[in-house]
């Protein structure tokens, strides 16, 4: 087989593939954030003084590879080359495989430096900077140019064999994708415009907001054009990101179908497809620590990884089950094998956190390797809420006090300092007991509590030391460490995009939280890092809302796809004589029950009735069942376990009858499929508006200040998205016929009706709207 020319590799990637050895070791030594690492590198450069060359670019041709990278620093006067690594806690706890990797990187840079500058030898220094204290530890050695180049050449020869195979795979992949045909005779109605818009987004490198109704085949309609764009527009990787597990399943099913349509045929997929699974679901030994002394799959992991990686690359189809089986064959951890294969897979299917979270795997790999990545984000109407959660954190005083009672001696002092800080904070805030008259249990803090970040950093350092010395400490201590670190990191980036709040639920039960309100500030760089992004959902909501809150580029494109459904499939009625406002809810119970019963009498069958809260649902359900005992009815309740949710849905059969009462925005408001006679109608007795509590009022004010649309963005849009999602359960296919009854006078308002799907047509408003 002929050699492949023009192969390039970064020093970091070269060493990642060829220099790791020994055990997997993920003991509790949390690594600094990317921001802390960058600041640490700048600090070391500042300390070195004049003449020091920071971020020195180096490159060379070695064994047929073009090798390049940036050495952290070089002092020509001392002839010293430095590689700077930031860490947290005691350096002695840094895993051996990490140390080996760092040394390999430094020695590779040393070989390139000597060749470029004609040096016979050089001093090599690994500089470890502890980010908490700023303490430097230097590990130095001298090496000759000859020995360094011999070592780098051997490493490049090993990598080249892998790289040539990767290049051949890329060529075969691109050829197969060029020939890829749509796996059906024709597109569904609305599916072709979606596919064309997705392809144009990939071709132009833009963000597409695609509102595409249920039933047009969104998963296939977005994957197919992005796969076709990969060879034609130089996309290196494609990531299909979902909010929930069912979305991953649909993506994998579509990819399997497309795989059968490639020239390689079923079972010989031209693509490498990887499903990323959460660590707790992939772990084979959940009760054991993640290092070689505790887990047999961690012991010698990097020694067995090359064979496992090679087999995985040949296997190509790596969903959760296939990855687990292959990992078992090679005696390696399936979770970390999946993390490794993310580097080598063409299409990755996983949760949105793999790109948008602060420590996102795929985003990190894309930056490290300079990939052109296409993103597909399913059910994107949930991204604002998910992102807010990613960039929010809270600490509970009660948890800290409980842990302090059983804390090892080394942790009692830092926990005590934090406890005293809590008590002072509660006093200064004037925060009374929960519900005490005149003493609200919630306070907004305009600025972060003075001294708190320092106290938390001290606790994080002590926790790191304690967990390193005593791995047997329970998982609750690990969680406290991660929460403490998350709080300090978000505190560094605190601004008008977030809220600092203090809540008191009773004596010794305060909660301090950093709550993200506007995720745009965090997400904008993530969208910029992708070549193109398609955000798609049946209910994206107004495009300006998504652009503003997600931080999308100004040239983002909005497309609303035509629906495959006709207005005559859905009977839409608005009861404009009803109000479900809080003050009117007691009076609304009987009229709502009568409206439900009247529709059921018109067309007996299966219905869902949605309410804004469990309190409202429970009152409506009690009144309905008392007034209409002959109509079967069942209700969602708080904290439903999965078997109970399954039982709720099991009553929706083709020949069933009755009304299921549910909470809007809950488990039965989206993501369920009840076609045909399994659901013939829905009642929505709420606009779904979030409660006008202090947090949402702050959100409204912040959104008004930044975008001038506070009430719309804080209340109306999120509520109506939930309404449309719930209503979307009714019409699922071209043969379906159903009724949607909106039970509130505000649905008749023009500004509300404008946000309802156009294909619903004109509603019947009955009777005369409230004046």
Foldseek 3Di string as FASTA:
>chain_A
DDADADAEDELLVLLVQQFFWWFDDDFLFDFDFPVLFVVLLVVVVVVPDPQKDAQQWFWDQALRYTYIGTFGIARVVQQETEHEGETAADPVLDDPRVVRSSVSSQLLVQLRVCVVVVFQKGKYWYWYAHSLPRDIDIDIDIDTNVVSSVVNNVSVVVVSVVRRVLVVLVVLLLVQLLVQDQLDPDFFALLVVLLVVLLVLLQQLFEEEEQEAFDRLNLLSNVSSVSNNCNVRVFQAEEEAEADDVSLVSNLVSQQSSQCRTPLHHQQGSFQEAEADDPCVQFPCNVWHRIVVTDQQRGGVSVLLVVLLVVSVRSRYHYSVNLSVSCVVSSHRSNVSRLVCLLVGRYYYYHPCLQQASPRSNVVSCVVGVGAYEYEYEPLLCVLVVLQVRLKAKDKQLLLVVCLVVDDPLQVVLSVVVNVVVVVVCVVQQADADPDPPHHQKDWDPAPPPPVLVSLSVNLNSLSVVCSVPVVPDVSSVVSNVRSVSVSVSNVVDDLQWIWMWGHNGVSTIMTMITGQQSLVRQQVSSVSHSYYYYYYNANFDPVLCCRRNVGDPPYHYDYTDYSEALQQEAEEEAQVFACPPVCLVVRLVVVLVVVVVVCVVPWAEEEEEDADPVSLVVSVVVNCVVCVPADEDEDDPPDDPVRVVVLLVQLDQPHGHYYYYYQPDPQLADDARDDRSHAEYEYADLNFDDPDPVLVSSLVSCCVPPVRRCCNSTRRVSNSSVQSNRSNNHNHHVHHHYYYYYHSCCPDPVNVVRHDPSNDDHHYPDDHDD
